[in-house]
PDB file of N, CA and C in Angstrom:
ATOM      1  N   MET A   1      55.635 -43.579 101.911  1.00  0.00           N
ATOM      2  CA  MET A   1      55.553 -42.133 101.966  1.00  0.00           C
ATOM      3  C   MET A   1      55.973 -41.633 103.344  1.00  0.00           C
ATOM      4  N   GLY A   2      55.508 -42.309 104.398  1.00  0.00           N
ATOM      5  CA  GLY A   2      55.842 -41.887 105.751  1.00  0.00           C
ATOM      6  C   GLY A   2      57.315 -42.059 106.058  1.00  0.00           C
ATOM      7  N   GLY A   3      57.933 -43.052 105.440  1.00  0.00           N
ATOM      8  CA  GLY A   3      59.345 -43.305 105.679  1.00  0.00           C
ATOM      9  C   GLY A   3      60.220 -42.180 105.157  1.00  0.00           C
ATOM     10  N   SER A   4      59.909 -41.686 103.965  1.00  0.00           N
ATOM     11  CA  SER A   4      60.730 -40.613 103.399  1.00  0.00           C
ATOM     12  C   SER A   4      60.530 -39.309 104.168  1.00  0.00           C
ATOM     13  N   ALA A   5      59.324 -39.073 104.654  1.00  0.00           N
ATOM     14  CA  ALA A   5      59.085 -37.854 105.437  1.00  0.00           C
ATOM     15  C   ALA A   5      59.823 -37.904 106.765  1.00  0.00           C
ATOM     16  N   SER A   6      59.826 -39.061 107.405  1.00  0.00           N
ATOM     17  CA  SER A   6      60.528 -39.166 108.684  1.00  0.00           C
ATOM     18  C   SER A   6      62.038 -39.074 108.482  1.00  0.00           C
ATOM     19  N   LYS A   7      62.542 -39.610 107.373  1.00  0.00           N
ATOM     20  CA  LYS A   7      63.971 -39.472 107.084  1.00  0.00           C
ATOM     21  C   LYS A   7      64.338 -38.013 106.841  1.00  0.00           C
ATOM     22  N   TRP A   8      63.472 -37.273 106.161  1.00  0.00           N
ATOM     23  CA  TRP A   8      63.737 -35.863 105.896  1.00  0.00           C
ATOM     24  C   TRP A   8      63.771 -35.065 107.194  1.00  0.00           C
ATOM     25  N   ILE A   9      62.897 -35.405 108.132  1.00  0.00           N
ATOM     26  CA  ILE A   9      62.810 -34.653 109.386  1.00  0.00           C
ATOM     27  C   ILE A   9      64.095 -34.778 110.191  1.00  0.00           C
ATOM     28  N   VAL A  10      64.706 -35.949 110.218  1.00  0.00           N
ATOM     29  CA  VAL A  10      65.877 -36.154 111.065  1.00  0.00           C
ATOM     30  C   VAL A  10      67.202 -36.018 110.320  1.00  0.00           C
ATOM     31  N   ASP A  11      67.181 -35.809 109.011  1.00  0.00           N
ATOM     32  CA  ASP A  11      68.420 -35.696 108.238  1.00  0.00           C
ATOM     33  C   ASP A  11      68.948 -34.263 108.304  1.00  0.00           C
ATOM     34  N   PRO A  12      70.099 -34.043 108.973  1.00  0.00           N
ATOM     35  CA  PRO A  12      70.626 -32.683 109.087  1.00  0.00           C
ATOM     36  C   PRO A  12      71.125 -32.112 107.764  1.00  0.00           C
ATOM     37  N   ASN A  13      71.341 -32.949 106.754  1.00  0.00           N
ATOM     38  CA  ASN A  13      71.783 -32.438 105.458  1.00  0.00           C
ATOM     39  C   ASN A  13      70.628 -31.870 104.635  1.00  0.00           C
ATOM     40  N   ARG A  14      69.416 -32.284 104.953  1.00  0.00           N
ATOM     41  CA  ARG A  14      68.267 -31.841 104.169  1.00  0.00           C
ATOM     42  C   ARG A  14      67.328 -30.919 104.936  1.00  0.00           C
ATOM     43  N   ASN A  15      67.278 -31.015 106.239  1.00  0.00           N
ATOM     44  CA  ASN A  15      66.350 -30.229 107.038  1.00  0.00           C
ATOM     45  C   ASN A  15      67.143 -29.202 107.851  1.00  0.00           C
ATOM     46  N   PRO A  16      66.868 -27.911 107.669  1.00  0.00           N
ATOM     47  CA  PRO A  16      67.620 -26.891 108.405  1.00  0.00           C
ATOM     48  C   PRO A  16      67.394 -26.954 109.918  1.00  0.00           C
ATOM     49  N   LEU A  17      66.207 -27.358 110.367  1.00  0.00           N
ATOM     50  CA  LEU A  17      65.968 -27.471 111.804  1.00  0.00           C
ATOM     51  C   LEU A  17      66.760 -28.635 112.404  1.00  0.00           C
ATOM     52  N   ALA A  18      66.860 -29.725 111.667  1.00  0.00           N
ATOM     53  CA  ALA A  18      67.676 -30.843 112.133  1.00  0.00           C
ATOM     54  C   ALA A  18      69.139 -30.433 112.186  1.00  0.00           C
ATOM     55  N   ARG A  19      69.594 -29.635 111.225  1.00  0.00           N
ATOM     56  CA  ARG A  19      70.975 -29.144 111.213  1.00  0.00           C
ATOM     57  C   ARG A  19      71.230 -28.264 112.441  1.00  0.00           C
ATOM     58  N   MET A  20      70.268 -27.413 112.778  1.00  0.00           N
ATOM     59  CA  MET A  20      70.431 -26.550 113.959  1.00  0.00           C
ATOM     60  C   MET A  20      70.518 -27.397 115.229  1.00  0.00           C
ATOM     61  N   HIS A  21      69.687 -28.416 115.327  1.00  0.00           N
ATOM     62  CA  HIS A  21      69.721 -29.301 116.493  1.00  0.00           C
ATOM     63  C   HIS A  21      71.048 -30.053 116.549  1.00  0.00           C
ATOM     64  N   TYR A  22      71.507 -30.549 115.412  1.00  0.00           N
ATOM     65  CA  TYR A  22      72.771 -31.263 115.311  1.00  0.00           C
ATOM     66  C   TYR A  22      73.914 -30.376 115.813  1.00  0.00           C
ATOM     67  N   ASN A  23      73.942 -29.125 115.369  1.00  0.00           N
ATOM     68  CA  ASN A  23      74.991 -28.191 115.794  1.00  0.00           C
ATOM     69  C   ASN A  23      74.868 -27.826 117.267  1.00  0.00           C
ATOM     70  N   ALA A  24      73.644 -27.686 117.767  1.00  0.00           N
ATOM     71  CA  ALA A  24      73.455 -27.347 119.185  1.00  0.00           C
ATOM     72  C   ALA A  24      73.948 -28.488 120.078  1.00  0.00           C
ATOM     73  N   VAL A  25      73.652 -29.723 119.705  1.00  0.00           N
ATOM     74  CA  VAL A  25      74.128 -30.872 120.485  1.00  0.00           C
ATOM     75  C   VAL A  25      75.652 -30.945 120.430  1.00  0.00           C
ATOM     76  N   ALA A  26      76.218 -30.708 119.249  1.00  0.00           N
ATOM     77  CA  ALA A  26      77.677 -30.740 119.110  1.00  0.00           C
ATOM     78  C   ALA A  26      78.322 -29.665 119.983  1.00  0.00           C
ATOM     79  N   ASN A  27      77.754 -28.480 120.032  1.00  0.00           N
ATOM     80  CA  ASN A  27      78.311 -27.409 120.858  1.00  0.00           C
ATOM     81  C   ASN A  27      78.239 -27.750 122.337  1.00  0.00           C
ATOM     82  N   ARG A  28      77.123 -28.341 122.762  1.00  0.00           N
ATOM     83  CA  ARG A  28      77.007 -28.720 124.173  1.00  0.00           C
ATOM     84  C   ARG A  28      78.022 -29.800 124.542  1.00  0.00           C
ATOM     85  N   LEU A  29      78.212 -30.762 123.665  1.00  0.00           N
ATOM     86  CA  LEU A  29      79.180 -31.826 123.936  1.00  0.00           C
ATOM     87  C   LEU A  29      80.604 -31.279 123.938  1.00  0.00           C
ATOM     88  N   ARG A  30      80.905 -30.361 123.013  1.00  0.00           N
ATOM     89  CA  ARG A  30      82.247 -29.769 122.967  1.00  0.00           C
ATOM     90  C   ARG A  30      82.566 -28.989 124.231  1.00  0.00           C
ATOM     91  N   ARG A  31      81.593 -28.310 124.779  1.00  0.00           N
ATOM     92  CA  ARG A  31      81.826 -27.512 125.988  1.00  0.00           C
ATOM     93  C   ARG A  31      82.373 -28.358 127.131  1.00  0.00           C
ATOM     94  N   TYR A  32      81.931 -29.598 127.198  1.00  0.00           N
ATOM     95  CA  TYR A  32      82.363 -30.479 128.281  1.00  0.00           C
ATOM     96  C   TYR A  32      83.379 -31.525 127.827  1.00  0.00           C
ATOM     97  N   GLY A  33      83.709 -31.541 126.541  1.00  0.00           N
ATOM     98  CA  GLY A  33      84.690 -32.491 126.045  1.00  0.00           C
ATOM     99  C   GLY A  33      84.169 -33.906 125.920  1.00  0.00           C
ATOM    100  N   LEU A  34      82.892 -34.054 125.642  1.00  0.00           N
ATOM    101  CA  LEU A  34      82.277 -35.380 125.540  1.00  0.00           C
ATOM    102  C   LEU A  34      82.055 -35.783 124.092  1.00  0.00           C
ATOM    103  N   ARG A  35      81.837 -37.058 123.901  1.00  0.00           N
ATOM    104  CA  ARG A  35      81.392 -37.591 122.619  1.00  0.00           C
ATOM    105  C   ARG A  35      79.982 -38.119 122.815  1.00  0.00           C
ATOM    106  N   LEU A  36      79.262 -38.240 121.716  1.00  0.00           N
ATOM    107  CA  LEU A  36      77.871 -38.697 121.798  1.00  0.00           C
ATOM    108  C   LEU A  36      77.789 -40.095 122.409  1.00  0.00           C
ATOM    109  N   ASP A  37      78.743 -40.961 122.106  1.00  0.00           N
ATOM    110  CA  ASP A  37      78.731 -42.318 122.649  1.00  0.00           C
ATOM    111  C   ASP A  37      78.970 -42.343 124.158  1.00  0.00           C
ATOM    112  N   ASP A  38      79.541 -41.272 124.706  1.00  0.00           N
ATOM    113  CA  ASP A  38      79.762 -41.220 126.153  1.00  0.00           C
ATOM    114  C   ASP A  38      78.450 -41.126 126.928  1.00  0.00           C
ATOM    115  N   LEU A  39      77.386 -40.722 126.271  1.00  0.00           N
ATOM    116  CA  LEU A  39      76.108 -40.509 126.956  1.00  0.00           C
ATOM    117  C   LEU A  39      75.322 -41.799 127.176  1.00  0.00           C
ATOM    118  N   TYR A  40      75.755 -42.883 126.566  1.00  0.00           N
ATOM    119  CA  TYR A  40      75.079 -44.162 126.780  1.00  0.00           C
ATOM    120  C   TYR A  40      75.402 -44.689 128.175  1.00  0.00           C
ATOM    121  N   ASP A  41      74.366 -45.146 128.878  1.00  0.00           N
ATOM    122  CA  ASP A  41      74.519 -45.612 130.247  1.00  0.00           C
ATOM    123  C   ASP A  41      74.562 -47.142 130.284  1.00  0.00           C
ATOM    124  N   PRO A  42      75.681 -47.722 130.745  1.00  0.00           N
ATOM    125  CA  PRO A  42      75.752 -49.191 130.786  1.00  0.00           C
ATOM    126  C   PRO A  42      74.829 -49.816 131.816  1.00  0.00           C
ATOM    127  N   MET A  43      74.355 -49.057 132.784  1.00  0.00           N
ATOM    128  CA  MET A  43      73.429 -49.601 133.771  1.00  0.00           C
ATOM    129  C   MET A  43      72.001 -49.669 133.217  1.00  0.00           C
ATOM    130  N   TYR A  44      71.729 -48.914 132.174  1.00  0.00           N
ATOM    131  CA  TYR A  44      70.393 -48.877 131.587  1.00  0.00           C
ATOM    132  C   TYR A  44      70.187 -50.008 130.580  1.00  0.00           C
ATOM    133  N   ASP A  45      71.221 -50.294 129.794  1.00  0.00           N
ATOM    134  CA  ASP A  45      71.099 -51.291 128.742  1.00  0.00           C
ATOM    135  C   ASP A  45      72.267 -52.265 128.855  1.00  0.00           C
ATOM    136  N   LEU A  46      71.974 -53.535 128.987  1.00  0.00           N
ATOM    137  CA  LEU A  46      73.024 -54.533 129.153  1.00  0.00           C
ATOM    138  C   LEU A  46      73.808 -54.767 127.866  1.00  0.00           C
ATOM    139  N   ASP A  47      73.221 -54.430 126.712  1.00  0.00           N
ATOM    140  CA  ASP A  47      73.977 -54.511 125.463  1.00  0.00           C
ATOM    141  C   ASP A  47      75.120 -53.503 125.469  1.00  0.00           C
ATOM    142  N   ILE A  48      74.870 -52.332 125.999  1.00  0.00           N
ATOM    143  CA  ILE A  48      75.911 -51.305 126.091  1.00  0.00           C
ATOM    144  C   ILE A  48      76.999 -51.760 127.054  1.00  0.00           C
ATOM    145  N   LYS A  49      76.600 -52.365 128.147  1.00  0.00           N
ATOM    146  CA  LYS A  49      77.583 -52.868 129.107  1.00  0.00           C
ATOM    147  C   LYS A  49      78.466 -53.928 128.467  1.00  0.00           C
ATOM    148  N   GLU A  50      77.861 -54.834 127.709  1.00  0.00           N
ATOM    149  CA  GLU A  50      78.629 -55.878 127.035  1.00  0.00           C
ATOM    150  C   GLU A  50      79.552 -55.282 125.975  1.00  0.00           C
ATOM    151  N   ALA A  51      79.063 -54.284 125.232  1.00  0.00           N
ATOM    152  CA  ALA A  51      79.900 -53.642 124.215  1.00  0.00           C
ATOM    153  C   ALA A  51      81.093 -52.939 124.857  1.00  0.00           C
ATOM    154  N   LEU A  52      80.876 -52.287 125.996  1.00  0.00           N
ATOM    155  CA  LEU A  52      81.983 -51.634 126.695  1.00  0.00           C
ATOM    156  C   LEU A  52      82.989 -52.654 127.219  1.00  0.00           C
ATOM    157  N   ASN A  53      82.510 -53.819 127.647  1.00  0.00           N
ATOM    158  CA  ASN A  53      83.418 -54.865 128.109  1.00  0.00           C
ATOM    159  C   ASN A  53      84.293 -55.399 126.987  1.00  0.00           C
ATOM    160  N   ARG A  54      83.795 -55.353 125.763  1.00  0.00           N
ATOM    161  CA  ARG A  54      84.553 -55.883 124.627  1.00  0.00           C
ATOM    162  C   ARG A  54      85.531 -54.880 124.035  1.00  0.00           C
ATOM    163  N   LEU A  55      85.359 -53.606 124.337  1.00  0.00           N
ATOM    164  CA  LEU A  55      86.260 -52.582 123.800  1.00  0.00           C
ATOM    165  C   LEU A  55      87.631 -52.674 124.463  1.00  0.00           C
ATOM    166  N   PRO A  56      88.676 -52.178 123.800  1.00  0.00           N
ATOM    167  CA  PRO A  56      90.002 -52.158 124.426  1.00  0.00           C
ATOM    168  C   PRO A  56      90.012 -51.288 125.681  1.00  0.00           C
ATOM    169  N   LYS A  57      90.878 -51.634 126.599  1.00  0.00           N
ATOM    170  CA  LYS A  57      90.951 -50.941 127.880  1.00  0.00           C
ATOM    171  C   LYS A  57      91.252 -49.446 127.702  1.00  0.00           C
ATOM    172  N   GLU A  58      92.080 -49.097 126.719  1.00  0.00           N
ATOM    173  CA  GLU A  58      92.440 -47.695 126.498  1.00  0.00           C
ATOM    174  C   GLU A  58      91.224 -46.866 126.099  1.00  0.00           C
ATOM    175  N   VAL A  59      90.353 -47.445 125.292  1.00  0.00           N
ATOM    176  CA  VAL A  59      89.154 -46.734 124.842  1.00  0.00           C
ATOM    177  C   VAL A  59      88.206 -46.503 126.018  1.00  0.00           C
ATOM    178  N   VAL A  60      88.032 -47.515 126.850  1.00  0.00           N
ATOM    179  CA  VAL A  60      87.145 -47.389 128.015  1.00  0.00           C
ATOM    180  C   VAL A  60      87.741 -46.404 129.029  1.00  0.00           C
ATOM    181  N   ASP A  61      89.062 -46.439 129.211  1.00  0.00           N
ATOM    182  CA  ASP A  61      89.706 -45.486 130.122  1.00  0.00           C
ATOM    183  C   ASP A  61      89.550 -44.044 129.634  1.00  0.00           C
ATOM    184  N   ALA A  62      89.685 -43.840 128.322  1.00  0.00           N
ATOM    185  CA  ALA A  62      89.490 -42.502 127.763  1.00  0.00           C
ATOM    186  C   ALA A  62      88.054 -42.039 127.965  1.00  0.00           C
ATOM    187  N   ARG A  63      87.103 -42.950 127.807  1.00  0.00           N
ATOM    188  CA  ARG A  63      85.692 -42.612 128.040  1.00  0.00           C
ATOM    189  C   ARG A  63      85.468 -42.207 129.492  1.00  0.00           C
ATOM    190  N   ASN A  64      86.023 -42.981 130.423  1.00  0.00           N
ATOM    191  CA  ASN A  64      85.857 -42.655 131.838  1.00  0.00           C
ATOM    192  C   ASN A  64      86.496 -41.312 132.180  1.00  0.00           C
ATOM    193  N   GLN A  65      87.647 -41.007 131.588  1.00  0.00           N
ATOM    194  CA  GLN A  65      88.299 -39.723 131.834  1.00  0.00           C
ATOM    195  C   GLN A  65      87.452 -38.573 131.301  1.00  0.00           C
ATOM    196  N   ARG A  66      86.856 -38.752 130.108  1.00  0.00           N
ATOM    197  CA  ARG A  66      85.995 -37.700 129.564  1.00  0.00           C
ATOM    198  C   ARG A  66      84.785 -37.470 130.469  1.00  0.00           C
ATOM    199  N   LEU A  67      84.197 -38.563 130.970  1.00  0.00           N
ATOM    200  CA  LEU A  67      83.044 -38.425 131.856  1.00  0.00           C
ATOM    201  C   LEU A  67      83.420 -37.751 133.172  1.00  0.00           C
ATOM    202  N   LYS A  68      84.563 -38.117 133.738  1.00  0.00           N
ATOM    203  CA  LYS A  68      85.010 -37.484 134.981  1.00  0.00           C
ATOM    204  C   LYS A  68      85.276 -36.003 134.782  1.00  0.00           C
ATOM    205  N   ARG A  69      85.940 -35.669 133.658  1.00  0.00           N
ATOM    206  CA  ARG A  69      86.225 -34.262 133.370  1.00  0.00           C
ATOM    207  C   ARG A  69      84.928 -33.479 133.190  1.00  0.00           C
ATOM    208  N   ALA A  70      83.958 -34.069 132.505  1.00  0.00           N
ATOM    209  CA  ALA A  70      82.683 -33.389 132.287  1.00  0.00           C
ATOM    210  C   ALA A  70      81.941 -33.168 133.602  1.00  0.00           C
ATOM    211  N   MET A  71      81.956 -34.168 134.487  1.00  0.00           N
ATOM    212  CA  MET A  71      81.301 -33.995 135.793  1.00  0.00           C
ATOM    213  C   MET A  71      82.008 -32.924 136.614  1.00  0.00           C
ATOM    214  N   ASP A  72      83.331 -32.903 136.565  1.00  0.00           N
ATOM    215  CA  ASP A  72      84.101 -31.905 137.299  1.00  0.00           C
ATOM    216  C   ASP A  72      83.792 -30.500 136.779  1.00  0.00           C
ATOM    217  N   LEU A  73      83.774 -30.334 135.459  1.00  0.00           N
ATOM    218  CA  LEU A  73      83.461 -29.028 134.881  1.00  0.00           C
ATOM    219  C   LEU A  73      82.035 -28.603 135.217  1.00  0.00           C
ATOM    220  N   SER A  74      81.120 -29.543 135.201  1.00  0.00           N
ATOM    221  CA  SER A  74      79.729 -29.229 135.506  1.00  0.00           C
ATOM    222  C   SER A  74      79.566 -28.785 136.961  1.00  0.00           C
ATOM    223  N   MET A  75      80.236 -29.474 137.863  1.00  0.00           N
ATOM    224  CA  MET A  75      80.146 -29.110 139.286  1.00  0.00           C
ATOM    225  C   MET A  75      80.757 -27.739 139.547  1.00  0.00           C
ATOM    226  N   LYS A  76      81.765 -27.381 138.783  1.00  0.00           N
ATOM    227  CA  LYS A  76      82.423 -26.081 138.935  1.00  0.00           C
ATOM    228  C   LYS A  76      81.760 -24.982 138.121  1.00  0.00           C
ATOM    229  N   HIS A  77      80.708 -25.343 137.368  1.00  0.00           N
ATOM    230  CA  HIS A  77      80.004 -24.391 136.497  1.00  0.00           C
ATOM    231  C   HIS A  77      80.962 -23.738 135.511  1.00  0.00           C
ATOM    232  N   ASN A  78      81.834 -24.545 134.926  1.00  0.00           N
ATOM    233  CA  ASN A  78      82.805 -24.088 133.934  1.00  0.00           C
ATOM    234  C   ASN A  78      82.661 -24.909 132.668  1.00  0.00           C
ATOM    235  N   TYR A  79      83.320 -24.417 131.605  1.00  0.00           N
ATOM    236  CA  TYR A  79      83.423 -25.157 130.357  1.00  0.00           C
ATOM    237  C   TYR A  79      84.899 -25.356 130.047  1.00  0.00           C
ATOM    238  N   LEU A  80      85.176 -26.227 129.082  1.00  0.00           N
ATOM    239  CA  LEU A  80      86.543 -26.392 128.618  1.00  0.00           C
ATOM    240  C   LEU A  80      87.041 -25.077 128.017  1.00  0.00           C
ATOM    241  N   PRO A  81      88.336 -24.829 128.065  1.00  0.00           N
ATOM    242  CA  PRO A  81      88.865 -23.637 127.375  1.00  0.00           C
ATOM    243  C   PRO A  81      88.564 -23.717 125.876  1.00  0.00           C
ATOM    244  N   GLU A  82      88.478 -22.557 125.240  1.00  0.00           N
ATOM    245  CA  GLU A  82      88.110 -22.479 123.825  1.00  0.00           C
ATOM    246  C   GLU A  82      89.062 -23.272 122.936  1.00  0.00           C
ATOM    247  N   ASP A  83      90.366 -23.249 123.252  1.00  0.00           N
ATOM    248  CA  ASP A  83      91.313 -23.972 122.401  1.00  0.00           C
ATOM    249  C   ASP A  83      91.100 -25.485 122.482  1.00  0.00           C
ATOM    250  N   LEU A  84      90.697 -25.996 123.639  1.00  0.00           N
ATOM    251  CA  LEU A  84      90.390 -27.422 123.757  1.00  0.00           C
ATOM    252  C   LEU A  84      89.035 -27.767 123.141  1.00  0.00           C
ATOM    253  N   GLN A  85      88.086 -26.838 123.215  1.00  0.00           N
ATOM    254  CA  GLN A  85      86.786 -27.086 122.591  1.00  0.00           C
ATOM    255  C   GLN A  85      86.929 -27.221 121.078  1.00  0.00           C
ATOM    256  N   ALA A  86      87.873 -26.484 120.515  1.00  0.00           N
ATOM    257  CA  ALA A  86      88.035 -26.490 119.060  1.00  0.00           C
ATOM    258  C   ALA A  86      88.521 -27.849 118.539  1.00  0.00           C
ATOM    259  N   VAL A  87      89.224 -28.620 119.357  1.00  0.00           N
ATOM    260  CA  VAL A  87      89.766 -29.900 118.881  1.00  0.00           C
ATOM    261  C   VAL A  87      88.881 -31.091 119.263  1.00  0.00           C
ATOM    262  N   GLN A  88      87.756 -30.860 119.908  1.00  0.00           N
ATOM    263  CA  GLN A  88      86.865 -31.948 120.307  1.00  0.00           C
ATOM    264  C   GLN A  88      86.118 -32.498 119.097  1.00  0.00           C
ATOM    265  N   THR A  89      85.846 -33.792 119.126  1.00  0.00           N
ATOM    266  CA  THR A  89      85.125 -34.473 118.041  1.00  0.00           C
ATOM    267  C   THR A  89      83.904 -35.163 118.629  1.00  0.00           C
ATOM    268  N   PRO A  90      82.789 -34.434 118.823  1.00  0.00           N
ATOM    269  CA  PRO A  90      81.639 -35.012 119.530  1.00  0.00           C
ATOM    270  C   PRO A  90      80.931 -36.127 118.784  1.00  0.00           C
ATOM    271  N   TYR A  91      81.004 -36.153 117.466  1.00  0.00           N
ATOM    272  CA  TYR A  91      80.277 -37.191 116.729  1.00  0.00           C
ATOM    273  C   TYR A  91      81.194 -38.308 116.234  1.00  0.00           C
ATOM    274  N   ARG A  92      82.422 -38.343 116.697  1.00  0.00           N
ATOM    275  CA  ARG A  92      83.320 -39.449 116.356  1.00  0.00           C
ATOM    276  C   ARG A  92      82.942 -40.635 117.236  1.00  0.00           C
ATOM    277  N   THR A  93      82.544 -41.705 116.602  1.00  0.00           N
ATOM    278  CA  THR A  93      81.993 -42.830 117.338  1.00  0.00           C
ATOM    279  C   THR A  93      83.065 -43.867 117.654  1.00  0.00           C
ATOM    280  N   TYR A  94      82.927 -44.489 118.793  1.00  0.00           N
ATOM    281  CA  TYR A  94      83.798 -45.591 119.169  1.00  0.00           C
ATOM    282  C   TYR A  94      82.990 -46.777 119.676  1.00  0.00           C
ATOM    283  N   LEU A  95      81.765 -46.561 120.067  1.00  0.00           N
ATOM    284  CA  LEU A  95      80.944 -47.610 120.669  1.00  0.00           C
ATOM    285  C   LEU A  95      79.969 -48.244 119.672  1.00  0.00           C
ATOM    286  N   GLN A  96      79.542 -47.497 118.672  1.00  0.00           N
ATOM    287  CA  GLN A  96      78.492 -47.969 117.770  1.00  0.00           C
ATOM    288  C   GLN A  96      78.835 -49.252 117.024  1.00  0.00           C
ATOM    289  N   PRO A  97      80.054 -49.415 116.478  1.00  0.00           N
ATOM    290  CA  PRO A  97      80.331 -50.684 115.777  1.00  0.00           C
ATOM    291  C   PRO A  97      80.224 -51.906 116.698  1.00  0.00           C
ATOM    292  N   MET A  98      80.768 -51.790 117.902  1.00  0.00           N
ATOM    293  CA  MET A  98      80.712 -52.918 118.831  1.00  0.00           C
ATOM    294  C   MET A  98      79.282 -53.133 119.330  1.00  0.00           C
ATOM    295  N   LEU A  99      78.544 -52.048 119.546  1.00  0.00           N
ATOM    296  CA  LEU A  99      77.165 -52.156 120.007  1.00  0.00           C
ATOM    297  C   LEU A  99      76.290 -52.837 118.960  1.00  0.00           C
ATOM    298  N   SER A 100      76.488 -52.499 117.695  1.00  0.00           N
ATOM    299  CA  SER A 100      75.698 -53.160 116.648  1.00  0.00           C
ATOM    300  C   SER A 100      76.047 -54.642 116.555  1.00  0.00           C
ATOM    301  N   LEU A 101      77.318 -54.995 116.763  1.00  0.00           N
ATOM    302  CA  LEU A 101      77.719 -56.401 116.767  1.00  0.00           C
ATOM    303  C   LEU A 101      77.062 -57.152 117.923  1.00  0.00           C
ATOM    304  N   VAL A 102      77.042 -56.557 119.106  1.00  0.00           N
ATOM    305  CA  VAL A 102      76.420 -57.193 120.275  1.00  0.00           C
ATOM    306  C   VAL A 102      74.923 -57.378 120.048  1.00  0.00           C
ATOM    307  N   LYS A 103      74.267 -56.376 119.473  1.00  0.00           N
ATOM    308  CA  LYS A 103      72.834 -56.486 119.222  1.00  0.00           C
ATOM    309  C   LYS A 103      72.529 -57.557 118.173  1.00  0.00           C
ATOM    310  N   ARG A 104      73.377 -57.637 117.146  1.00  0.00           N
ATOM    311  CA  ARG A 104      73.181 -58.690 116.137  1.00  0.00           C
ATOM    312  C   ARG A 104      73.367 -60.070 116.756  1.00  0.00           C
ATOM    313  N   GLU A 105      74.380 -60.229 117.609  1.00  0.00           N
ATOM    314  CA  GLU A 105      74.601 -61.517 118.259  1.00  0.00           C
ATOM    315  C   GLU A 105      73.428 -61.887 119.166  1.00  0.00           C
ATOM    316  N   ARG A 106      72.900 -60.905 119.900  1.00  0.00           N
ATOM    317  CA  ARG A 106      71.762 -61.181 120.773  1.00  0.00           C
ATOM    318  C   ARG A 106      70.539 -61.584 119.954  1.00  0.00           C
ATOM    319  N   ALA A 107      70.300 -60.870 118.849  1.00  0.00           N
ATOM    320  CA  ALA A 107      69.159 -61.201 117.990  1.00  0.00           C
ATOM    321  C   ALA A 107      69.321 -62.592 117.381  1.00  0.00           C
ATOM    322  N   GLU A 108      70.546 -62.951 117.012  1.00  0.00           N
ATOM    323  CA  GLU A 108      70.787 -64.275 116.455  1.00  0.00           C
ATOM    324  C   GLU A 108      70.556 -65.359 117.507  1.00  0.00           C
ATOM    325  N   ARG A 109      71.006 -65.112 118.735  1.00  0.00           N
ATOM    326  CA  ARG A 109      70.786 -66.094 119.807  1.00  0.00           C
ATOM    327  C   ARG A 109      69.290 -66.272 120.071  1.00  0.00           C
ATOM    328  N   GLU A 110      68.543 -65.177 120.061  1.00  0.00           N
ATOM    329  CA  GLU A 110      67.098 -65.270 120.280  1.00  0.00           C
ATOM    330  C   GLU A 110      66.427 -66.022 119.132  1.00  0.00           C
ATOM    331  N   ALA A 111      66.896 -65.771 117.898  1.00  0.00           N
ATOM    332  CA  ALA A 111      66.309 -66.450 116.739  1.00  0.00           C
ATOM    333  C   ALA A 111      66.576 -67.944 116.773  1.00  0.00           C
ATOM    334  N   LEU A 112      67.727 -68.339 117.305  1.00  0.00           N
ATOM    335  CA  LEU A 112      68.067 -69.759 117.389  1.00  0.00           C
ATOM    336  C   LEU A 112      67.491 -70.428 118.631  1.00  0.00           C
ATOM    337  N   GLY A 113      66.905 -69.645 119.516  1.00  0.00           N
ATOM    338  CA  GLY A 113      66.298 -70.199 120.714  1.00  0.00           C
ATOM    339  C   GLY A 113      67.282 -70.483 121.828  1.00  0.00           C
ATOM    340  N   ALA A 114      68.462 -69.904 121.765  1.00  0.00           N
ATOM    341  CA  ALA A 114      69.475 -70.119 122.802  1.00  0.00           C
ATOM    342  C   ALA A 114      69.184 -69.234 124.006  1.00  0.00           C
ATOM    343  N   LEU A 115      69.760 -69.594 125.109  1.00  0.00           N
ATOM    344  CA  LEU A 115      69.598 -68.785 126.315  1.00  0.00           C
ATOM    345  C   LEU A 115      70.366 -67.477 126.169  1.00  0.00           C
ATOM    346  N   PRO A 116      69.864 -66.396 126.745  1.00  0.00           N
ATOM    347  CA  PRO A 116      70.587 -65.122 126.657  1.00  0.00           C
ATOM    348  C   PRO A 116      71.900 -65.184 127.430  1.00  0.00           C
ATOM    349  N   LEU A 117      72.869 -64.412 126.959  1.00  0.00           N
ATOM    350  CA  LEU A 117      74.167 -64.379 127.624  1.00  0.00           C
ATOM    351  C   LEU A 117      74.089 -63.703 128.987  1.00  0.00           C
ATOM    352  N   TYR A 118      73.189 -62.762 129.098  1.00  0.00           N
ATOM    353  CA  TYR A 118      73.064 -62.021 130.345  1.00  0.00           C
ATOM    354  C   TYR A 118      71.608 -61.686 130.569  1.00  0.00           C
ATOM    355  N   GLN A 119      71.228 -61.614 131.825  1.00  0.00           N
ATOM    356  CA  GLN A 119      69.869 -61.250 132.184  1.00  0.00           C
ATOM    357  C   GLN A 119      69.946 -60.191 133.254  1.00  0.00           C
ATOM    358  N   ARG A 120      68.982 -59.317 133.236  1.00  0.00           N
ATOM    359  CA  ARG A 120      68.953 -58.242 134.239  1.00  0.00           C
ATOM    360  C   ARG A 120      68.543 -58.846 135.571  1.00  0.00           C
ATOM    361  N   THR A 121      69.321 -58.533 136.603  1.00  0.00           N
ATOM    362  CA  THR A 121      68.982 -58.956 137.949  1.00  0.00           C
ATOM    363  C   THR A 121      68.914 -57.726 138.833  1.00  0.00           C
ATOM    364  N   LEU A 122      68.015 -57.748 139.768  1.00  0.00           N
ATOM    365  CA  LEU A 122      67.899 -56.628 140.688  1.00  0.00           C
ATOM    366  C   LEU A 122      68.934 -56.772 141.791  1.00  0.00           C
ATOM    367  N   PRO A 123      69.575 -55.667 142.168  1.00  0.00           N
ATOM    368  CA  PRO A 123      70.580 -55.765 143.230  1.00  0.00           C
ATOM    369  C   PRO A 123      69.966 -56.031 144.586  1.00  0.00           C
TER     370      PRO A 123
END
């Protein structure tokens, strides 16, 4: 019973408040030309860092350019022009498939008792 209620709360197709939140996040991301996957921090989670290392160089370069543009616009207190905002795709994912693969591989290594591929070290 609790599972279906929690799914209803976060499903933007069934809950109008979730739909409003979904649209508000999309509008904020469009203003700066970002995608939702751009918000993941590779310094926070080593799985994200590994997934970014496995992506093609062009995809990572495009991500870095979007982040630089967003920081530049934020520092200038500006948004992207309306015509560029209209062509942005904030929920188009590029990191999630690779991230799920990395997480599955890590879980499999832990299940088999193998050593982790990477460990967090303090600088």
